[in-house]
Amino acid sequence: MQVRLGSWRVPPIFDLIESLGQVPKDDMLRTFNMGVGMMMVIGERNLGSVAAVLKRKREKFWTIGRVVAGRPVVRYIEDKL
């Protein structure tokens, strides 16, 4: 799986934990998920209909990455905005 860093808003508490605790970024991502909470894996063809339902329910959501072929590992990539 590829996760695009910068594709969601990280709550300020995580910056505070990282700096005061001198916690490495990799540990922050693995341990706290940087505020992502719950994730859903949705096929690309279903993304539009799922997004429409979430919007109707006024749920905040972000598309933060994608599943890719290869070893079962999470790779964090910089978001190219």
N, C-alpha and C. Protein backbone atom coordinates (compact mmCIF):
# COMPACT_ATOMS: atom_id res chain seq x y z
N MET A 1 0.84 -1.17 0.00
CA MET A 1 0.00 0.00 0.00
C MET A 1 0.88 1.24 0.00
N GLN A 2 0.48 2.22 -0.76
CA GLN A 2 1.15 3.52 -0.77
C GLN A 2 0.25 4.53 -0.07
N VAL A 3 0.79 5.26 0.88
CA VAL A 3 0.06 6.29 1.60
C VAL A 3 0.73 7.62 1.29
N ARG A 4 -0.07 8.57 0.80
CA ARG A 4 0.46 9.89 0.43
C ARG A 4 0.47 10.81 1.66
N LEU A 5 1.64 11.12 2.14
CA LEU A 5 1.77 12.06 3.24
C LEU A 5 1.29 13.43 2.77
N GLY A 6 0.56 14.12 3.60
CA GLY A 6 0.03 15.42 3.23
C GLY A 6 -1.34 15.37 2.61
N SER A 7 -1.92 14.18 2.46
CA SER A 7 -3.23 14.07 1.83
C SER A 7 -4.37 14.18 2.85
N TRP A 8 -4.04 14.34 4.12
CA TRP A 8 -5.05 14.59 5.16
C TRP A 8 -4.46 15.56 6.17
N ARG A 9 -5.35 16.19 6.92
CA ARG A 9 -4.92 17.16 7.94
C ARG A 9 -4.52 16.41 9.20
N VAL A 10 -3.28 16.57 9.62
CA VAL A 10 -2.78 15.94 10.84
C VAL A 10 -3.12 16.85 12.02
N PRO A 11 -3.88 16.35 13.00
CA PRO A 11 -4.21 17.18 14.17
C PRO A 11 -2.93 17.65 14.89
N PRO A 12 -2.93 18.89 15.40
CA PRO A 12 -1.74 19.47 16.02
C PRO A 12 -1.17 18.67 17.19
N ILE A 13 -1.99 17.88 17.87
CA ILE A 13 -1.49 17.11 19.01
C ILE A 13 -0.36 16.17 18.60
N PHE A 14 -0.40 15.68 17.37
CA PHE A 14 0.63 14.74 16.93
C PHE A 14 1.98 15.43 16.72
N ASP A 15 1.95 16.68 16.27
CA ASP A 15 3.20 17.45 16.18
C ASP A 15 3.79 17.66 17.56
N LEU A 16 2.92 17.92 18.53
CA LEU A 16 3.37 18.13 19.91
C LEU A 16 3.99 16.85 20.50
N ILE A 17 3.31 15.73 20.30
CA ILE A 17 3.84 14.44 20.79
C ILE A 17 5.20 14.16 20.15
N GLU A 18 5.28 14.38 18.84
CA GLU A 18 6.53 14.10 18.11
C GLU A 18 7.68 14.97 18.63
N SER A 19 7.42 16.24 18.82
CA SER A 19 8.51 17.13 19.22
C SER A 19 8.86 16.98 20.71
N LEU A 20 7.87 16.99 21.60
CA LEU A 20 8.16 16.88 23.03
C LEU A 20 8.72 15.51 23.40
N GLY A 21 8.21 14.47 22.75
CA GLY A 21 8.67 13.12 23.05
C GLY A 21 9.87 12.69 22.23
N GLN A 22 10.30 13.57 21.32
CA GLN A 22 11.41 13.24 20.41
C GLN A 22 11.17 11.88 19.74
N VAL A 23 9.95 11.72 19.24
CA VAL A 23 9.54 10.46 18.60
C VAL A 23 9.83 10.55 17.11
N PRO A 24 10.56 9.59 16.56
CA PRO A 24 10.84 9.60 15.12
C PRO A 24 9.54 9.52 14.30
N LYS A 25 9.55 10.17 13.13
CA LYS A 25 8.37 10.22 12.26
C LYS A 25 7.84 8.82 11.94
N ASP A 26 8.74 7.87 11.64
CA ASP A 26 8.30 6.49 11.34
C ASP A 26 7.50 5.90 12.49
N ASP A 27 7.96 6.15 13.72
CA ASP A 27 7.24 5.64 14.89
C ASP A 27 5.88 6.33 15.03
N MET A 28 5.84 7.61 14.76
CA MET A 28 4.58 8.34 14.83
C MET A 28 3.57 7.77 13.84
N LEU A 29 4.02 7.49 12.62
CA LEU A 29 3.13 6.95 11.60
C LEU A 29 2.64 5.55 11.96
N ARG A 30 3.55 4.70 12.43
CA ARG A 30 3.18 3.32 12.77
C ARG A 30 2.28 3.25 14.01
N THR A 31 2.59 4.06 15.02
CA THR A 31 1.90 3.95 16.29
C THR A 31 0.58 4.72 16.32
N PHE A 32 0.60 5.94 15.82
CA PHE A 32 -0.57 6.82 15.96
C PHE A 32 -1.37 7.02 14.67
N ASN A 33 -0.86 6.59 13.55
CA ASN A 33 -1.52 6.80 12.25
C ASN A 33 -1.76 8.28 11.95
N MET A 34 -1.16 9.15 12.74
CA MET A 34 -1.21 10.60 12.53
C MET A 34 -2.64 11.13 12.36
N GLY A 35 -3.56 10.55 13.12
CA GLY A 35 -4.93 11.04 13.14
C GLY A 35 -5.85 10.45 12.10
N VAL A 36 -5.38 9.50 11.32
CA VAL A 36 -6.25 8.92 10.29
C VAL A 36 -7.41 8.16 10.92
N GLY A 37 -7.16 7.41 11.96
CA GLY A 37 -8.24 6.65 12.59
C GLY A 37 -8.60 5.43 11.77
N MET A 38 -9.81 5.40 11.24
CA MET A 38 -10.29 4.25 10.49
C MET A 38 -10.05 4.44 8.99
N MET A 39 -9.70 3.36 8.32
CA MET A 39 -9.53 3.40 6.87
C MET A 39 -10.46 2.40 6.22
N MET A 40 -10.89 2.74 5.01
CA MET A 40 -11.66 1.82 4.18
C MET A 40 -10.88 1.64 2.89
N VAL A 41 -10.80 0.41 2.43
CA VAL A 41 -10.17 0.13 1.14
C VAL A 41 -11.31 -0.10 0.15
N ILE A 42 -11.35 0.75 -0.88
CA ILE A 42 -12.46 0.76 -1.83
C ILE A 42 -11.91 0.65 -3.24
N GLY A 43 -12.51 -0.21 -4.02
CA GLY A 43 -12.12 -0.33 -5.42
C GLY A 43 -12.35 0.99 -6.15
N GLU A 44 -11.46 1.30 -7.07
CA GLU A 44 -11.53 2.57 -7.79
C GLU A 44 -12.88 2.80 -8.44
N ARG A 45 -13.48 1.75 -8.97
CA ARG A 45 -14.76 1.91 -9.67
C ARG A 45 -15.90 2.25 -8.70
N ASN A 46 -15.72 1.98 -7.41
CA ASN A 46 -16.76 2.26 -6.41
C ASN A 46 -16.51 3.55 -5.63
N LEU A 47 -15.39 4.19 -5.86
CA LEU A 47 -15.02 5.35 -5.07
C LEU A 47 -16.05 6.48 -5.18
N GLY A 48 -16.54 6.75 -6.36
CA GLY A 48 -17.50 7.83 -6.54
C GLY A 48 -18.78 7.63 -5.76
N SER A 49 -19.33 6.43 -5.79
CA SER A 49 -20.58 6.18 -5.06
C SER A 49 -20.37 6.19 -3.55
N VAL A 50 -19.24 5.67 -3.08
CA VAL A 50 -18.95 5.69 -1.65
C VAL A 50 -18.74 7.14 -1.19
N ALA A 51 -18.02 7.92 -1.98
CA ALA A 51 -17.80 9.33 -1.64
C ALA A 51 -19.12 10.08 -1.56
N ALA A 52 -20.04 9.79 -2.48
CA ALA A 52 -21.35 10.45 -2.46
C ALA A 52 -22.12 10.14 -1.18
N VAL A 53 -22.08 8.89 -0.75
CA VAL A 53 -22.76 8.51 0.50
C VAL A 53 -22.13 9.22 1.70
N LEU A 54 -20.81 9.24 1.76
CA LEU A 54 -20.13 9.91 2.87
C LEU A 54 -20.44 11.40 2.90
N LYS A 55 -20.49 12.03 1.73
CA LYS A 55 -20.82 13.45 1.66
C LYS A 55 -22.24 13.70 2.14
N ARG A 56 -23.18 12.85 1.72
CA ARG A 56 -24.57 12.99 2.18
C ARG A 56 -24.68 12.87 3.69
N LYS A 57 -23.86 12.02 4.27
CA LYS A 57 -23.86 11.81 5.72
C LYS A 57 -23.00 12.85 6.45
N ARG A 58 -22.40 13.77 5.69
CA ARG A 58 -21.52 14.82 6.22
C ARG A 58 -20.34 14.24 6.99
N GLU A 59 -19.82 13.14 6.49
CA GLU A 59 -18.62 12.51 7.06
C GLU A 59 -17.39 13.08 6.35
N LYS A 60 -16.38 13.43 7.14
CA LYS A 60 -15.12 13.87 6.55
C LYS A 60 -14.38 12.64 6.05
N PHE A 61 -13.77 12.76 4.88
CA PHE A 61 -12.97 11.66 4.36
C PHE A 61 -11.90 12.19 3.43
N TRP A 62 -10.87 11.40 3.26
CA TRP A 62 -9.76 11.73 2.38
C TRP A 62 -9.38 10.48 1.62
N THR A 63 -8.94 10.65 0.39
CA THR A 63 -8.32 9.57 -0.35
C THR A 63 -6.83 9.71 -0.07
N ILE A 64 -6.29 8.76 0.70
CA ILE A 64 -4.92 8.93 1.20
C ILE A 64 -3.90 8.02 0.54
N GLY A 65 -4.35 7.11 -0.30
CA GLY A 65 -3.37 6.22 -0.90
C GLY A 65 -4.01 5.22 -1.83
N ARG A 66 -3.24 4.17 -2.10
CA ARG A 66 -3.75 3.12 -2.99
C ARG A 66 -3.02 1.81 -2.70
N VAL A 67 -3.68 0.73 -3.03
CA VAL A 67 -3.09 -0.59 -2.89
C VAL A 67 -2.31 -0.88 -4.17
N VAL A 68 -1.09 -1.36 -4.02
CA VAL A 68 -0.25 -1.66 -5.18
C VAL A 68 0.26 -3.10 -5.06
N ALA A 69 0.60 -3.67 -6.18
CA ALA A 69 1.14 -5.03 -6.21
C ALA A 69 2.52 -5.06 -5.55
N GLY A 70 2.84 -6.19 -4.97
CA GLY A 70 4.16 -6.34 -4.36
C GLY A 70 4.07 -6.88 -2.95
N ARG A 71 5.16 -6.74 -2.24
CA ARG A 71 5.22 -7.21 -0.86
C ARG A 71 4.18 -6.48 0.00
N PRO A 72 3.64 -7.14 1.02
CA PRO A 72 2.65 -6.50 1.89
C PRO A 72 3.32 -5.53 2.86
N VAL A 73 3.57 -4.33 2.39
CA VAL A 73 4.25 -3.31 3.19
C VAL A 73 3.58 -1.96 2.92
N VAL A 74 3.60 -1.08 3.91
CA VAL A 74 3.08 0.27 3.72
C VAL A 74 4.24 1.18 3.38
N ARG A 75 4.11 1.90 2.28
CA ARG A 75 5.13 2.87 1.86
C ARG A 75 4.51 4.26 1.93
N TYR A 76 5.21 5.15 2.61
CA TYR A 76 4.76 6.53 2.72
C TYR A 76 5.47 7.34 1.65
N ILE A 77 4.69 8.05 0.85
CA ILE A 77 5.26 8.87 -0.22
C ILE A 77 4.83 10.32 -0.01
N GLU A 78 5.66 11.25 -0.42
CA GLU A 78 5.34 12.67 -0.30
C GLU A 78 4.27 13.03 -1.30
N ASP A 79 3.25 13.75 -0.85
CA ASP A 79 2.18 14.21 -1.72
C ASP A 79 2.70 15.31 -2.62
N LYS A 80 2.49 15.19 -3.91
CA LYS A 80 2.95 16.17 -4.89
C LYS A 80 1.81 17.11 -5.27
N LEU A 81 1.52 18.09 -4.42
CA LEU A 81 0.43 19.02 -4.71
C LEU A 81 0.88 20.15 -5.55
